[in-house]
Amino acid sequence: MISKLISWFERQAFGVCEWWGKKLGIKTTHVRMYFIYLSFFTFGSPVIIYFIMAFMLEHKDFFKPKKYRRRSVWDL
């Protein structure tokens, strides 16, 4: 039951830690642990940064420069 809950939460969460883990080439669990430690040391301010990054990841097509956007497969 607990493992199902954890896997559901990891799939339904915003994916910020997973994205950073892939970009940096480290495990997602390590990124999550660093985030938790940083939140304790800075009194929770990384939570605001996390939500901003989650918003940007959710709407990443809007934040990409226009020269990188492609309308179809055939646009180069």
N, C-alpha and C. Protein backbone atom coordinates (compact mmCIF):
# COMPACT_ATOMS: atom_id res chain seq x y z
N MET A 1 0.83 -1.19 0.00
CA MET A 1 0.00 0.00 0.00
C MET A 1 0.87 1.26 0.00
N ILE A 2 1.87 1.28 0.88
CA ILE A 2 2.75 2.45 0.97
C ILE A 2 3.54 2.63 -0.32
N SER A 3 4.04 1.53 -0.89
CA SER A 3 4.83 1.65 -2.12
C SER A 3 3.97 2.13 -3.28
N LYS A 4 2.69 1.73 -3.31
CA LYS A 4 1.79 2.23 -4.34
C LYS A 4 1.56 3.73 -4.19
N LEU A 5 1.43 4.17 -2.94
CA LEU A 5 1.25 5.59 -2.67
C LEU A 5 2.48 6.40 -3.07
N ILE A 6 3.65 5.88 -2.76
CA ILE A 6 4.90 6.58 -3.12
C ILE A 6 5.05 6.64 -4.63
N SER A 7 4.82 5.55 -5.33
CA SER A 7 4.97 5.56 -6.78
C SER A 7 3.92 6.47 -7.43
N TRP A 8 2.71 6.49 -6.89
CA TRP A 8 1.68 7.39 -7.43
C TRP A 8 2.09 8.84 -7.24
N PHE A 9 2.60 9.17 -6.06
CA PHE A 9 3.02 10.55 -5.79
C PHE A 9 4.17 10.96 -6.70
N GLU A 10 5.13 10.07 -6.92
CA GLU A 10 6.26 10.39 -7.78
C GLU A 10 5.82 10.60 -9.22
N ARG A 11 4.83 9.85 -9.67
CA ARG A 11 4.33 10.04 -11.04
C ARG A 11 3.48 11.29 -11.16
N GLN A 12 2.72 11.64 -10.11
CA GLN A 12 1.81 12.77 -10.17
C GLN A 12 2.46 14.09 -9.76
N ALA A 13 3.62 14.03 -9.14
CA ALA A 13 4.31 15.26 -8.75
C ALA A 13 4.74 16.00 -10.01
N PHE A 14 5.23 17.16 -9.84
CA PHE A 14 5.52 18.03 -10.97
C PHE A 14 6.67 17.54 -11.83
N GLY A 15 7.59 16.79 -11.30
CA GLY A 15 8.70 16.26 -12.08
C GLY A 15 9.91 17.17 -12.12
N VAL A 16 9.97 18.14 -11.26
CA VAL A 16 11.10 19.07 -11.24
C VAL A 16 12.37 18.33 -10.83
N CYS A 17 12.31 17.55 -9.78
CA CYS A 17 13.50 16.83 -9.32
C CYS A 17 13.95 15.80 -10.35
N GLU A 18 13.00 15.15 -10.99
CA GLU A 18 13.35 14.18 -12.03
C GLU A 18 14.04 14.88 -13.20
N TRP A 19 13.53 16.05 -13.59
CA TRP A 19 14.12 16.80 -14.69
C TRP A 19 15.54 17.23 -14.36
N TRP A 20 15.75 17.74 -13.13
CA TRP A 20 17.09 18.14 -12.72
C TRP A 20 18.02 16.94 -12.65
N GLY A 21 17.51 15.80 -12.19
CA GLY A 21 18.33 14.59 -12.14
C GLY A 21 18.80 14.16 -13.51
N LYS A 22 17.90 14.21 -14.49
CA LYS A 22 18.29 13.86 -15.85
C LYS A 22 19.29 14.86 -16.42
N LYS A 23 19.07 16.15 -16.17
CA LYS A 23 19.96 17.18 -16.70
C LYS A 23 21.36 17.09 -16.08
N LEU A 24 21.43 16.79 -14.78
CA LEU A 24 22.71 16.75 -14.09
C LEU A 24 23.35 15.38 -14.11
N GLY A 25 22.60 14.36 -14.51
CA GLY A 25 23.15 13.01 -14.58
C GLY A 25 23.28 12.33 -13.23
N ILE A 26 22.42 12.68 -12.28
CA ILE A 26 22.44 12.03 -10.97
C ILE A 26 21.05 11.46 -10.68
N LYS A 27 20.99 10.65 -9.65
CA LYS A 27 19.72 10.00 -9.31
C LYS A 27 18.70 11.02 -8.82
N THR A 28 17.45 10.77 -9.15
CA THR A 28 16.37 11.65 -8.74
C THR A 28 16.23 11.69 -7.23
N THR A 29 16.46 10.57 -6.58
CA THR A 29 16.34 10.54 -5.11
C THR A 29 17.38 11.45 -4.46
N HIS A 30 18.56 11.54 -5.05
CA HIS A 30 19.58 12.44 -4.49
C HIS A 30 19.15 13.89 -4.64
N VAL A 31 18.57 14.23 -5.77
CA VAL A 31 18.10 15.60 -5.98
C VAL A 31 17.01 15.93 -4.97
N ARG A 32 16.10 15.00 -4.73
CA ARG A 32 15.04 15.21 -3.75
C ARG A 32 15.61 15.41 -2.34
N MET A 33 16.59 14.60 -1.99
CA MET A 33 17.19 14.72 -0.67
C MET A 33 17.91 16.06 -0.52
N TYR A 34 18.64 16.49 -1.54
CA TYR A 34 19.29 17.80 -1.49
C TYR A 34 18.26 18.91 -1.35
N PHE A 35 17.15 18.77 -2.05
CA PHE A 35 16.09 19.76 -1.96
C PHE A 35 15.52 19.82 -0.54
N ILE A 36 15.32 18.67 0.06
CA ILE A 36 14.79 18.62 1.43
C ILE A 36 15.78 19.24 2.40
N TYR A 37 17.06 18.89 2.29
CA TYR A 37 18.07 19.46 3.18
C TYR A 37 18.16 20.97 3.00
N LEU A 38 18.16 21.42 1.76
CA LEU A 38 18.22 22.85 1.48
C LEU A 38 17.01 23.58 2.05
N SER A 39 15.85 22.93 1.99
CA SER A 39 14.63 23.54 2.54
C SER A 39 14.73 23.71 4.05
N PHE A 40 15.35 22.74 4.73
CA PHE A 40 15.52 22.87 6.19
C PHE A 40 16.49 23.99 6.54
N PHE A 41 17.56 24.10 5.78
CA PHE A 41 18.58 25.10 6.10
C PHE A 41 18.16 26.52 5.73
N THR A 42 17.29 26.66 4.77
CA THR A 42 16.89 28.00 4.31
C THR A 42 15.46 28.32 4.70
N PHE A 43 14.91 27.59 5.63
CA PHE A 43 13.57 27.83 6.17
C PHE A 43 12.47 27.77 5.12
N GLY A 44 12.59 26.86 4.15
CA GLY A 44 11.50 26.60 3.22
C GLY A 44 11.43 27.46 1.98
N SER A 45 12.38 28.36 1.80
CA SER A 45 12.30 29.22 0.60
C SER A 45 12.47 28.45 -0.71
N PRO A 46 13.17 27.30 -0.77
CA PRO A 46 13.23 26.56 -2.04
C PRO A 46 11.87 26.03 -2.50
N VAL A 47 10.90 25.98 -1.61
CA VAL A 47 9.56 25.53 -2.01
C VAL A 47 8.97 26.50 -3.03
N ILE A 48 9.21 27.79 -2.84
CA ILE A 48 8.72 28.78 -3.80
C ILE A 48 9.43 28.60 -5.13
N ILE A 49 10.74 28.38 -5.09
CA ILE A 49 11.50 28.15 -6.32
C ILE A 49 11.02 26.88 -7.01
N TYR A 50 10.71 25.84 -6.23
CA TYR A 50 10.21 24.59 -6.79
C TYR A 50 8.91 24.82 -7.56
N PHE A 51 7.98 25.59 -6.98
CA PHE A 51 6.72 25.85 -7.67
C PHE A 51 6.91 26.68 -8.92
N ILE A 52 7.86 27.61 -8.90
CA ILE A 52 8.15 28.39 -10.10
C ILE A 52 8.72 27.48 -11.20
N MET A 53 9.65 26.59 -10.83
CA MET A 53 10.20 25.66 -11.81
C MET A 53 9.14 24.70 -12.32
N ALA A 54 8.22 24.27 -11.45
CA ALA A 54 7.14 23.38 -11.88
C ALA A 54 6.24 24.08 -12.89
N PHE A 55 5.95 25.36 -12.64
CA PHE A 55 5.14 26.13 -13.58
C PHE A 55 5.85 26.25 -14.92
N MET A 56 7.15 26.52 -14.88
CA MET A 56 7.90 26.67 -16.12
C MET A 56 8.01 25.35 -16.88
N LEU A 57 8.16 24.23 -16.18
CA LEU A 57 8.20 22.94 -16.86
C LEU A 57 6.86 22.58 -17.46
N GLU A 58 5.79 22.95 -16.77
CA GLU A 58 4.45 22.67 -17.26
C GLU A 58 4.14 23.46 -18.53
N HIS A 59 4.70 24.66 -18.64
CA HIS A 59 4.46 25.54 -19.77
C HIS A 59 5.75 25.82 -20.54
N LYS A 60 6.59 24.81 -20.70
CA LYS A 60 7.90 25.02 -21.29
C LYS A 60 7.84 25.44 -22.75
N ASP A 61 6.79 25.09 -23.47
CA ASP A 61 6.67 25.52 -24.86
C ASP A 61 6.51 27.04 -24.96
N PHE A 62 5.86 27.63 -23.98
CA PHE A 62 5.68 29.07 -23.97
C PHE A 62 6.99 29.81 -23.70
N PHE A 63 7.87 29.20 -22.89
CA PHE A 63 9.10 29.86 -22.49
C PHE A 63 10.26 29.63 -23.46
N LYS A 64 10.10 28.72 -24.44
CA LYS A 64 11.16 28.49 -25.41
C LYS A 64 11.25 29.66 -26.37
N PRO A 65 12.47 30.00 -26.80
CA PRO A 65 12.60 31.05 -27.82
C PRO A 65 11.94 30.61 -29.12
N LYS A 66 11.44 31.54 -29.87
CA LYS A 66 10.69 31.22 -31.08
C LYS A 66 11.53 30.47 -32.10
N LYS A 67 12.84 30.71 -32.15
CA LYS A 67 13.65 30.04 -33.16
C LYS A 67 13.75 28.53 -32.91
N TYR A 68 13.45 28.07 -31.70
CA TYR A 68 13.51 26.64 -31.42
C TYR A 68 12.15 25.95 -31.54
N ARG A 69 11.10 26.71 -31.70
CA ARG A 69 9.77 26.12 -31.84
C ARG A 69 9.57 25.65 -33.27
N ARG A 70 8.99 24.48 -33.41
CA ARG A 70 8.66 23.98 -34.74
C ARG A 70 7.17 23.74 -34.81
N ARG A 71 6.58 24.14 -35.90
CA ARG A 71 5.14 23.97 -36.06
C ARG A 71 4.79 22.53 -36.46
N SER A 72 5.63 21.91 -37.27
CA SER A 72 5.36 20.55 -37.69
C SER A 72 6.69 19.80 -37.82
N VAL A 73 6.60 18.55 -38.18
CA VAL A 73 7.79 17.71 -38.34
C VAL A 73 8.64 18.21 -39.51
N TRP A 74 8.01 18.80 -40.50
CA TRP A 74 8.71 19.19 -41.72
C TRP A 74 9.43 20.53 -41.60
N ASP A 75 9.17 21.29 -40.55
CA ASP A 75 9.87 22.56 -40.37
C ASP A 75 11.28 22.31 -39.86
N LEU A 76 12.23 22.92 -40.51
CA LEU A 76 13.63 22.77 -40.08
C LEU A 76 14.22 24.06 -39.67
